[in-house]
N, C-alpha and C. Protein backbone atom coordinates (compact mmCIF):
# COMPACT_ATOMS: atom_id res chain seq x y z
N MET A 1 153.01 129.50 57.32
CA MET A 1 152.74 128.53 58.37
C MET A 1 151.39 128.83 59.02
N PHE A 2 151.15 130.12 59.28
CA PHE A 2 149.89 130.52 59.90
C PHE A 2 148.71 130.14 59.01
N LYS A 3 148.87 130.29 57.68
CA LYS A 3 147.80 129.93 56.75
C LYS A 3 147.54 128.42 56.76
N ARG A 4 148.61 127.67 56.88
CA ARG A 4 148.48 126.21 56.90
C ARG A 4 147.73 125.76 58.16
N VAL A 5 148.02 126.32 59.32
CA VAL A 5 147.36 125.98 60.58
C VAL A 5 145.89 126.40 60.51
N THR A 6 145.63 127.59 59.98
CA THR A 6 144.26 128.07 59.85
C THR A 6 143.46 127.17 58.92
N ALA A 7 144.06 126.78 57.82
CA ALA A 7 143.38 125.90 56.86
C ALA A 7 143.09 124.54 57.49
N SER A 8 144.05 124.02 58.24
CA SER A 8 143.86 122.72 58.91
C SER A 8 142.75 122.80 59.95
N LEU A 9 142.74 123.86 60.75
CA LEU A 9 141.69 124.03 61.76
C LEU A 9 140.32 124.19 61.12
N THR A 10 140.27 124.97 60.05
CA THR A 10 139.00 125.16 59.33
C THR A 10 138.51 123.82 58.79
N PHE A 11 139.43 123.04 58.22
CA PHE A 11 139.06 121.73 57.70
C PHE A 11 138.53 120.82 58.81
N LEU A 12 139.19 120.82 59.96
CA LEU A 12 138.76 119.97 61.07
C LEU A 12 137.40 120.41 61.62
N VAL A 13 137.16 121.71 61.71
CA VAL A 13 135.87 122.22 62.19
C VAL A 13 134.77 121.81 61.22
N LEU A 14 135.01 122.01 59.92
CA LEU A 14 134.01 121.62 58.91
C LEU A 14 133.77 120.11 58.92
N LEU A 15 134.82 119.35 59.10
CA LEU A 15 134.69 117.89 59.18
C LEU A 15 133.84 117.49 60.39
N ALA A 16 134.10 118.12 61.54
CA ALA A 16 133.33 117.82 62.75
C ALA A 16 131.86 118.19 62.57
N ILE A 17 131.61 119.34 61.95
CA ILE A 17 130.22 119.75 61.69
C ILE A 17 129.54 118.76 60.76
N GLY A 18 130.24 118.37 59.71
CA GLY A 18 129.67 117.40 58.76
C GLY A 18 129.36 116.07 59.41
N ILE A 19 130.25 115.60 60.24
CA ILE A 19 130.03 114.33 60.94
C ILE A 19 128.83 114.44 61.88
N SER A 20 128.74 115.56 62.62
CA SER A 20 127.62 115.69 63.56
C SER A 20 126.29 115.76 62.83
N TYR A 21 126.23 116.45 61.68
CA TYR A 21 124.99 116.47 60.90
C TYR A 21 124.66 115.09 60.34
N GLY A 22 125.68 114.37 59.94
CA GLY A 22 125.46 113.02 59.42
C GLY A 22 124.89 112.10 60.48
N ILE A 23 125.39 112.23 61.70
CA ILE A 23 124.89 111.41 62.81
C ILE A 23 123.45 111.78 63.12
N LYS A 24 123.15 113.09 63.17
CA LYS A 24 121.78 113.52 63.45
C LYS A 24 120.82 113.04 62.37
N ASP A 25 121.24 113.12 61.09
CA ASP A 25 120.38 112.65 60.00
C ASP A 25 120.13 111.16 60.12
N ALA A 26 121.16 110.40 60.48
CA ALA A 26 121.00 108.96 60.63
C ALA A 26 120.04 108.64 61.77
N GLU A 27 120.15 109.39 62.89
CA GLU A 27 119.23 109.16 64.01
C GLU A 27 117.80 109.49 63.62
N THR A 28 117.61 110.60 62.91
CA THR A 28 116.27 110.99 62.47
C THR A 28 115.71 109.95 61.51
N GLU A 29 116.56 109.47 60.60
CA GLU A 29 116.10 108.46 59.64
C GLU A 29 115.69 107.19 60.36
N ASN A 30 116.49 106.77 61.35
CA ASN A 30 116.15 105.56 62.11
C ASN A 30 114.85 105.74 62.88
N LYS A 31 114.65 106.93 63.47
CA LYS A 31 113.41 107.19 64.19
C LYS A 31 112.23 107.17 63.25
N SER A 32 112.39 107.73 62.07
CA SER A 32 111.30 107.74 61.09
C SER A 32 110.95 106.33 60.67
N ASP A 33 111.98 105.51 60.43
CA ASP A 33 111.73 104.13 60.05
C ASP A 33 111.03 103.37 61.16
N ALA A 34 111.46 103.60 62.40
CA ALA A 34 110.84 102.90 63.53
C ALA A 34 109.39 103.32 63.69
N ALA A 35 109.11 104.58 63.48
CA ALA A 35 107.74 105.06 63.62
C ALA A 35 106.84 104.50 62.53
N ALA A 36 107.42 104.16 61.39
CA ALA A 36 106.63 103.66 60.28
C ALA A 36 106.30 102.18 60.42
N ILE A 37 107.01 101.49 61.29
CA ILE A 37 106.77 100.06 61.48
C ILE A 37 105.50 99.88 62.29
N PRO A 38 104.50 99.19 61.75
CA PRO A 38 103.26 99.00 62.51
C PRO A 38 103.50 98.08 63.69
N VAL A 39 102.98 98.46 64.83
CA VAL A 39 103.10 97.65 66.03
C VAL A 39 101.76 96.95 66.26
N ASN A 40 101.80 95.65 66.41
CA ASN A 40 100.57 94.88 66.61
C ASN A 40 100.54 94.39 68.05
N LEU A 41 99.88 95.14 68.90
CA LEU A 41 99.70 94.70 70.28
C LEU A 41 98.42 93.89 70.33
N ASP A 42 98.56 92.59 70.31
CA ASP A 42 97.39 91.72 70.30
C ASP A 42 96.65 91.86 71.62
N GLN A 43 95.43 92.27 71.54
CA GLN A 43 94.62 92.51 72.73
C GLN A 43 93.87 91.26 73.18
N GLY A 44 94.16 90.13 72.58
CA GLY A 44 93.48 88.92 72.97
C GLY A 44 92.17 88.75 72.23
N PRO A 45 91.33 87.84 72.70
CA PRO A 45 90.07 87.58 72.01
C PRO A 45 89.21 88.83 71.92
N GLU A 46 88.65 89.05 70.75
CA GLU A 46 87.83 90.24 70.50
C GLU A 46 86.36 89.95 70.76
N VAL A 47 85.62 91.01 71.03
CA VAL A 47 84.16 90.90 71.13
C VAL A 47 83.65 90.39 69.78
N GLY A 48 82.77 89.41 69.83
CA GLY A 48 82.23 88.80 68.62
C GLY A 48 82.95 87.52 68.21
N SER A 49 84.09 87.24 68.85
CA SER A 49 84.82 86.01 68.53
C SER A 49 84.46 84.91 69.52
N LYS A 50 84.81 83.70 69.15
CA LYS A 50 84.58 82.54 70.01
C LYS A 50 85.55 82.61 71.20
N ALA A 51 85.04 82.37 72.39
CA ALA A 51 85.89 82.36 73.58
C ALA A 51 86.82 81.14 73.54
N PRO A 52 88.13 81.34 73.68
CA PRO A 52 89.05 80.21 73.69
C PRO A 52 88.72 79.23 74.82
N ASP A 53 88.73 77.96 74.49
CA ASP A 53 88.42 76.93 75.48
C ASP A 53 89.61 76.72 76.41
N PHE A 54 89.33 76.29 77.62
CA PHE A 54 90.37 75.98 78.59
C PHE A 54 89.77 75.06 79.64
N GLN A 55 90.63 74.48 80.45
CA GLN A 55 90.18 73.76 81.64
C GLN A 55 91.13 74.11 82.77
N LEU A 56 90.52 74.37 83.94
CA LEU A 56 91.29 74.75 85.12
C LEU A 56 90.66 74.11 86.36
N PRO A 57 91.49 73.88 87.39
CA PRO A 57 90.94 73.37 88.65
C PRO A 57 90.35 74.50 89.49
N THR A 58 89.34 74.15 90.27
CA THR A 58 88.80 75.08 91.26
C THR A 58 89.61 74.91 92.54
N LEU A 59 89.31 75.72 93.52
CA LEU A 59 89.96 75.58 94.83
C LEU A 59 89.68 74.21 95.44
N ASP A 60 88.53 73.62 95.09
CA ASP A 60 88.15 72.31 95.62
C ASP A 60 88.74 71.15 94.82
N GLY A 61 89.47 71.47 93.74
CA GLY A 61 90.07 70.42 92.92
C GLY A 61 89.21 69.96 91.76
N GLU A 62 87.98 70.45 91.66
CA GLU A 62 87.12 70.11 90.52
C GLU A 62 87.69 70.77 89.26
N ILE A 63 87.66 70.04 88.15
CA ILE A 63 88.13 70.59 86.88
C ILE A 63 86.94 71.18 86.13
N ILE A 64 87.07 72.43 85.73
CA ILE A 64 86.02 73.09 84.95
C ILE A 64 86.57 73.39 83.57
N ARG A 65 85.83 72.94 82.56
CA ARG A 65 86.18 73.20 81.16
C ARG A 65 85.15 74.18 80.62
N LEU A 66 85.62 75.26 80.01
CA LEU A 66 84.71 76.28 79.49
C LEU A 66 83.71 75.70 78.50
N SER A 67 84.16 74.83 77.61
CA SER A 67 83.27 74.28 76.59
C SER A 67 82.16 73.42 77.18
N ASP A 68 82.34 72.90 78.39
CA ASP A 68 81.28 72.13 79.05
C ASP A 68 80.12 73.02 79.49
N LEU A 69 80.33 74.33 79.49
CA LEU A 69 79.30 75.28 79.93
C LEU A 69 78.53 75.88 78.76
N LYS A 70 78.71 75.32 77.57
CA LYS A 70 77.98 75.83 76.41
C LYS A 70 76.48 75.74 76.71
N GLY A 71 75.76 76.77 76.32
CA GLY A 71 74.34 76.83 76.63
C GLY A 71 74.05 77.69 77.85
N LYS A 72 75.13 78.13 78.54
CA LYS A 72 74.98 79.00 79.71
C LYS A 72 75.68 80.33 79.44
N LYS A 73 75.16 81.38 80.06
CA LYS A 73 75.82 82.68 80.02
C LYS A 73 76.95 82.64 81.04
N ILE A 74 78.09 83.24 80.67
CA ILE A 74 79.27 83.16 81.53
C ILE A 74 79.89 84.54 81.73
N MET A 75 80.25 84.81 82.96
CA MET A 75 81.05 85.99 83.30
C MET A 75 82.42 85.45 83.71
N LEU A 76 83.42 85.67 82.86
CA LEU A 76 84.77 85.15 83.06
C LEU A 76 85.66 86.29 83.53
N ASN A 77 86.07 86.24 84.80
CA ASN A 77 86.80 87.34 85.43
C ASN A 77 88.22 86.90 85.77
N PHE A 78 89.21 87.70 85.37
CA PHE A 78 90.61 87.44 85.70
C PHE A 78 91.02 88.42 86.80
N TRP A 79 91.62 87.89 87.88
CA TRP A 79 91.90 88.71 89.05
C TRP A 79 93.07 88.14 89.85
N THR A 80 93.51 88.92 90.85
CA THR A 80 94.52 88.46 91.81
C THR A 80 94.11 88.93 93.21
N THR A 81 94.69 88.32 94.21
CA THR A 81 94.36 88.68 95.59
C THR A 81 94.98 90.02 96.00
N TRP A 82 96.07 90.41 95.37
CA TRP A 82 96.78 91.63 95.76
C TRP A 82 96.34 92.88 95.00
N CYS A 83 95.42 92.73 94.07
CA CYS A 83 94.98 93.83 93.20
C CYS A 83 93.85 94.63 93.88
N PRO A 84 94.08 95.91 94.23
CA PRO A 84 93.03 96.70 94.90
C PRO A 84 91.70 96.77 94.13
N PRO A 85 91.69 97.00 92.80
CA PRO A 85 90.39 97.01 92.10
C PRO A 85 89.70 95.64 92.13
N CYS A 86 90.52 94.57 92.10
CA CYS A 86 89.94 93.21 92.17
C CYS A 86 89.25 93.01 93.52
N LYS A 87 89.94 93.42 94.58
CA LYS A 87 89.36 93.31 95.93
C LYS A 87 88.09 94.14 96.04
N ALA A 88 88.11 95.32 95.43
CA ALA A 88 86.96 96.23 95.52
C ALA A 88 85.71 95.66 94.86
N GLU A 89 85.89 94.90 93.76
CA GLU A 89 84.72 94.39 93.06
C GLU A 89 84.20 93.06 93.62
N MET A 90 84.97 92.39 94.45
CA MET A 90 84.57 91.07 94.96
C MET A 90 83.25 91.09 95.74
N PRO A 91 83.00 92.03 96.63
CA PRO A 91 81.70 92.03 97.33
C PRO A 91 80.52 92.20 96.36
N ASP A 92 80.67 93.06 95.35
CA ASP A 92 79.61 93.21 94.36
C ASP A 92 79.46 91.95 93.51
N MET A 93 80.58 91.31 93.20
CA MET A 93 80.51 90.08 92.42
C MET A 93 79.80 88.98 93.22
N GLN A 94 80.08 88.90 94.52
CA GLN A 94 79.40 87.92 95.36
C GLN A 94 77.91 88.22 95.43
N LYS A 95 77.56 89.48 95.61
CA LYS A 95 76.14 89.86 95.66
C LYS A 95 75.46 89.55 94.32
N PHE A 96 76.15 89.85 93.23
CA PHE A 96 75.62 89.56 91.89
C PHE A 96 75.39 88.05 91.74
N TYR A 97 76.35 87.26 92.20
CA TYR A 97 76.23 85.80 92.12
C TYR A 97 75.03 85.32 92.94
N THR A 98 74.85 85.88 94.12
CA THR A 98 73.72 85.50 94.98
C THR A 98 72.39 85.82 94.30
N GLU A 99 72.33 86.98 93.65
CA GLU A 99 71.08 87.41 93.01
C GLU A 99 70.86 86.78 91.64
N GLU A 100 71.92 86.60 90.87
CA GLU A 100 71.79 86.21 89.46
C GLU A 100 72.43 84.87 89.13
N GLY A 101 72.90 84.14 90.13
CA GLY A 101 73.64 82.91 89.91
C GLY A 101 72.92 81.86 89.08
N GLU A 102 71.60 81.90 89.05
CA GLU A 102 70.85 80.95 88.23
C GLU A 102 70.87 81.36 86.76
N GLN A 103 71.08 82.64 86.50
CA GLN A 103 71.03 83.17 85.13
C GLN A 103 72.39 83.18 84.43
N ILE A 104 73.45 83.27 85.22
CA ILE A 104 74.80 83.39 84.65
C ILE A 104 75.80 82.66 85.53
N LYS A 105 76.74 82.02 84.88
CA LYS A 105 77.80 81.29 85.59
C LYS A 105 79.00 82.22 85.74
N ILE A 106 79.46 82.42 86.96
CA ILE A 106 80.66 83.23 87.20
C ILE A 106 81.85 82.29 87.34
N LEU A 107 82.90 82.59 86.58
CA LEU A 107 84.17 81.90 86.71
C LEU A 107 85.22 82.95 87.01
N ALA A 108 85.75 82.93 88.22
CA ALA A 108 86.77 83.89 88.63
C ALA A 108 88.13 83.21 88.56
N VAL A 109 88.92 83.58 87.56
CA VAL A 109 90.22 82.94 87.33
C VAL A 109 91.30 83.72 88.06
N ASN A 110 91.87 83.09 89.09
CA ASN A 110 92.95 83.71 89.85
C ASN A 110 94.26 83.44 89.14
N ILE A 111 95.04 84.50 88.91
CA ILE A 111 96.28 84.34 88.15
C ILE A 111 97.54 84.56 88.99
N ASP A 112 97.41 84.59 90.31
CA ASP A 112 98.63 84.66 91.13
C ASP A 112 98.78 83.37 91.91
N THR A 113 99.97 82.84 91.87
CA THR A 113 100.21 81.55 92.52
C THR A 113 100.94 81.69 93.85
N ASP A 114 101.39 82.90 94.15
CA ASP A 114 102.21 83.10 95.34
C ASP A 114 101.42 83.56 96.56
N TYR A 115 100.12 83.63 96.47
CA TYR A 115 99.32 84.16 97.57
C TYR A 115 98.30 83.12 98.02
N ASP A 116 97.78 83.32 99.22
CA ASP A 116 96.81 82.40 99.81
C ASP A 116 95.42 82.69 99.26
N VAL A 117 95.12 82.09 98.12
CA VAL A 117 93.84 82.32 97.46
C VAL A 117 92.70 81.78 98.31
N ALA A 118 92.88 80.59 98.88
CA ALA A 118 91.82 79.99 99.70
C ALA A 118 91.51 80.87 100.91
N GLY A 119 92.54 81.42 101.54
CA GLY A 119 92.33 82.31 102.68
C GLY A 119 91.60 83.58 102.27
N PHE A 120 91.95 84.12 101.11
CA PHE A 120 91.29 85.32 100.60
C PHE A 120 89.82 85.05 100.33
N VAL A 121 89.54 83.92 99.68
CA VAL A 121 88.15 83.55 99.35
C VAL A 121 87.34 83.37 100.63
N LYS A 122 87.93 82.74 101.63
CA LYS A 122 87.23 82.54 102.90
C LYS A 122 86.97 83.89 103.58
N GLU A 123 87.99 84.73 103.61
CA GLU A 123 87.86 86.05 104.25
C GLU A 123 86.79 86.91 103.56
N MET A 124 86.72 86.84 102.23
CA MET A 124 85.76 87.64 101.46
C MET A 124 84.38 86.98 101.37
N LYS A 125 84.27 85.74 101.92
CA LYS A 125 83.01 84.98 101.90
C LYS A 125 82.48 84.79 100.48
N ILE A 126 83.39 84.35 99.61
CA ILE A 126 83.06 84.11 98.20
C ILE A 126 82.60 82.67 98.05
N ASN A 127 81.48 82.46 97.36
CA ASN A 127 81.06 81.07 97.11
C ASN A 127 80.80 80.79 95.64
N PHE A 128 81.22 81.68 94.75
CA PHE A 128 81.18 81.35 93.32
C PHE A 128 82.49 80.65 92.96
N PRO A 129 82.52 79.93 91.83
CA PRO A 129 83.72 79.16 91.47
C PRO A 129 84.96 80.04 91.25
N VAL A 130 86.02 79.69 91.96
CA VAL A 130 87.32 80.34 91.78
C VAL A 130 88.25 79.31 91.16
N LEU A 131 88.74 79.64 89.97
CA LEU A 131 89.62 78.74 89.23
C LEU A 131 91.06 79.20 89.41
N LEU A 132 91.98 78.23 89.40
CA LEU A 132 93.39 78.52 89.63
C LEU A 132 94.20 78.34 88.34
N ASP A 133 94.70 79.43 87.82
CA ASP A 133 95.53 79.41 86.62
C ASP A 133 97.00 79.41 87.06
N ASN A 134 97.41 78.29 87.65
CA ASN A 134 98.73 78.20 88.29
C ASN A 134 99.89 78.43 87.34
N ASP A 135 99.76 78.02 86.09
CA ASP A 135 100.85 78.21 85.14
C ASP A 135 100.62 79.41 84.22
N GLU A 136 99.58 80.17 84.49
CA GLU A 136 99.22 81.38 83.74
C GLU A 136 98.91 81.10 82.27
N SER A 137 98.60 79.86 81.93
CA SER A 137 98.34 79.52 80.53
C SER A 137 97.07 80.16 80.00
N VAL A 138 96.03 80.22 80.83
CA VAL A 138 94.77 80.82 80.38
C VAL A 138 94.91 82.34 80.32
N MET A 139 95.64 82.90 81.28
CA MET A 139 95.92 84.34 81.24
C MET A 139 96.63 84.70 79.93
N LYS A 140 97.59 83.89 79.53
CA LYS A 140 98.32 84.12 78.27
C LYS A 140 97.41 83.89 77.07
N GLN A 141 96.58 82.86 77.14
CA GLN A 141 95.66 82.54 76.05
C GLN A 141 94.70 83.71 75.80
N TYR A 142 94.24 84.33 76.87
CA TYR A 142 93.33 85.47 76.76
C TYR A 142 94.08 86.81 76.70
N ARG A 143 95.40 86.74 76.77
CA ARG A 143 96.28 87.92 76.69
C ARG A 143 95.86 89.02 77.68
N ILE A 144 95.79 88.63 78.92
CA ILE A 144 95.40 89.55 79.98
C ILE A 144 96.59 90.45 80.32
N LEU A 145 96.42 91.74 80.11
CA LEU A 145 97.46 92.72 80.41
C LEU A 145 97.10 93.57 81.63
N THR A 146 95.81 93.66 81.94
CA THR A 146 95.32 94.49 83.03
C THR A 146 94.34 93.67 83.85
N ILE A 147 94.41 93.82 85.17
CA ILE A 147 93.44 93.14 86.02
C ILE A 147 92.70 94.16 86.86
N PRO A 148 91.46 93.91 87.16
CA PRO A 148 90.65 92.82 86.64
C PRO A 148 90.23 93.05 85.18
N THR A 149 90.08 91.96 84.46
CA THR A 149 89.51 91.97 83.11
C THR A 149 88.42 90.92 83.11
N THR A 150 87.26 91.28 82.56
CA THR A 150 86.11 90.39 82.57
C THR A 150 85.53 90.26 81.17
N PHE A 151 85.27 89.01 80.78
CA PHE A 151 84.62 88.70 79.50
C PHE A 151 83.21 88.21 79.80
N PHE A 152 82.26 88.67 79.00
CA PHE A 152 80.88 88.19 79.08
C PHE A 152 80.62 87.35 77.85
N ILE A 153 80.32 86.08 78.08
CA ILE A 153 80.22 85.09 77.01
C ILE A 153 78.78 84.59 76.93
N ASP A 154 78.22 84.57 75.72
CA ASP A 154 76.83 84.13 75.57
C ASP A 154 76.71 82.61 75.53
N GLU A 155 75.48 82.13 75.38
CA GLU A 155 75.20 80.69 75.42
C GLU A 155 75.88 79.91 74.30
N ASN A 156 76.27 80.60 73.22
CA ASN A 156 76.93 79.94 72.09
C ASN A 156 78.45 79.97 72.21
N GLY A 157 78.96 80.53 73.30
CA GLY A 157 80.40 80.59 73.49
C GLY A 157 81.06 81.78 72.81
N THR A 158 80.26 82.78 72.45
CA THR A 158 80.77 83.98 71.78
C THR A 158 80.95 85.11 72.80
N ILE A 159 82.08 85.77 72.73
CA ILE A 159 82.34 86.91 73.62
C ILE A 159 81.48 88.08 73.17
N GLN A 160 80.62 88.55 74.06
CA GLN A 160 79.72 89.66 73.74
C GLN A 160 80.21 90.99 74.32
N ASN A 161 80.95 90.93 75.41
CA ASN A 161 81.48 92.14 76.04
C ASN A 161 82.80 91.82 76.72
N LYS A 162 83.64 92.85 76.81
CA LYS A 162 84.90 92.76 77.55
C LYS A 162 84.99 94.04 78.38
N PHE A 163 85.26 93.88 79.67
CA PHE A 163 85.35 95.04 80.55
C PHE A 163 86.67 94.98 81.29
N ILE A 164 87.42 96.08 81.25
CA ILE A 164 88.70 96.16 81.96
C ILE A 164 88.52 97.11 83.13
N GLY A 165 88.84 96.62 84.33
CA GLY A 165 88.70 97.42 85.54
C GLY A 165 87.65 96.83 86.46
N ALA A 166 87.53 97.44 87.63
CA ALA A 166 86.56 96.97 88.62
C ALA A 166 85.15 97.35 88.18
N MET A 167 84.21 96.45 88.42
CA MET A 167 82.81 96.69 88.04
C MET A 167 81.94 96.78 89.28
N SER A 168 80.93 97.59 89.17
CA SER A 168 79.88 97.64 90.19
C SER A 168 78.86 96.56 89.85
N ILE A 169 78.00 96.26 90.80
CA ILE A 169 76.95 95.27 90.53
C ILE A 169 76.03 95.76 89.42
N ASP A 170 75.79 97.06 89.34
CA ASP A 170 74.95 97.60 88.27
C ASP A 170 75.57 97.36 86.91
N LYS A 171 76.89 97.53 86.80
CA LYS A 171 77.58 97.28 85.53
C LYS A 171 77.53 95.80 85.18
N MET A 172 77.68 94.93 86.17
CA MET A 172 77.59 93.49 85.92
C MET A 172 76.21 93.14 85.37
N LYS A 173 75.17 93.69 85.97
CA LYS A 173 73.80 93.42 85.51
C LYS A 173 73.59 93.96 84.10
N GLU A 174 74.08 95.16 83.85
CA GLU A 174 73.92 95.78 82.53
C GLU A 174 74.58 94.92 81.44
N LEU A 175 75.82 94.50 81.67
CA LEU A 175 76.53 93.72 80.66
C LEU A 175 75.95 92.32 80.52
N THR A 176 75.40 91.77 81.57
CA THR A 176 74.75 90.46 81.50
C THR A 176 73.46 90.54 80.69
N GLN A 177 72.72 91.62 80.83
CA GLN A 177 71.47 91.77 80.09
C GLN A 177 71.72 91.84 78.59
N GLU A 178 72.92 92.25 78.19
CA GLU A 178 73.25 92.35 76.77
C GLU A 178 73.60 91.00 76.16
N LEU A 179 73.66 89.95 76.97
CA LEU A 179 74.01 88.62 76.45
C LEU A 179 72.83 87.99 75.73
């Protein structure tokens, strides 16, 4: 009887060990398979590609279509009123617009609909065009994952530079000169 109980316990222990190794092997195999699957995080329009066309209203209700600006250099900036880096770059962007507004068209696309954009623009004394992406369609079209994100587009509508994060006026001038 003692031998039978010992044999049964030994069998159960070996069975438990075998099952646990089988589970671990299956988990490892699944992790290996998952790691082998290429992940394509589309970063949106690439430098050197044509800038996707869009049309959006300004705060004043004027409709601006990107393709209507062909022949002009464009700084296309995506931002929100609640974003600290966006707020930080606005004074430099306004100064840049004052100094370089004849050379480059600034389009600041606001992508938050729940905040007082007009009040923010008035408070910051911004007079460059602020476009309202109320349904976030342009944000999705450009696949904006981080704000601020700025595209520099040449006269032919080709994206020449993309900058993620707040820019100083010196960086704005540098990237504009490359257009």
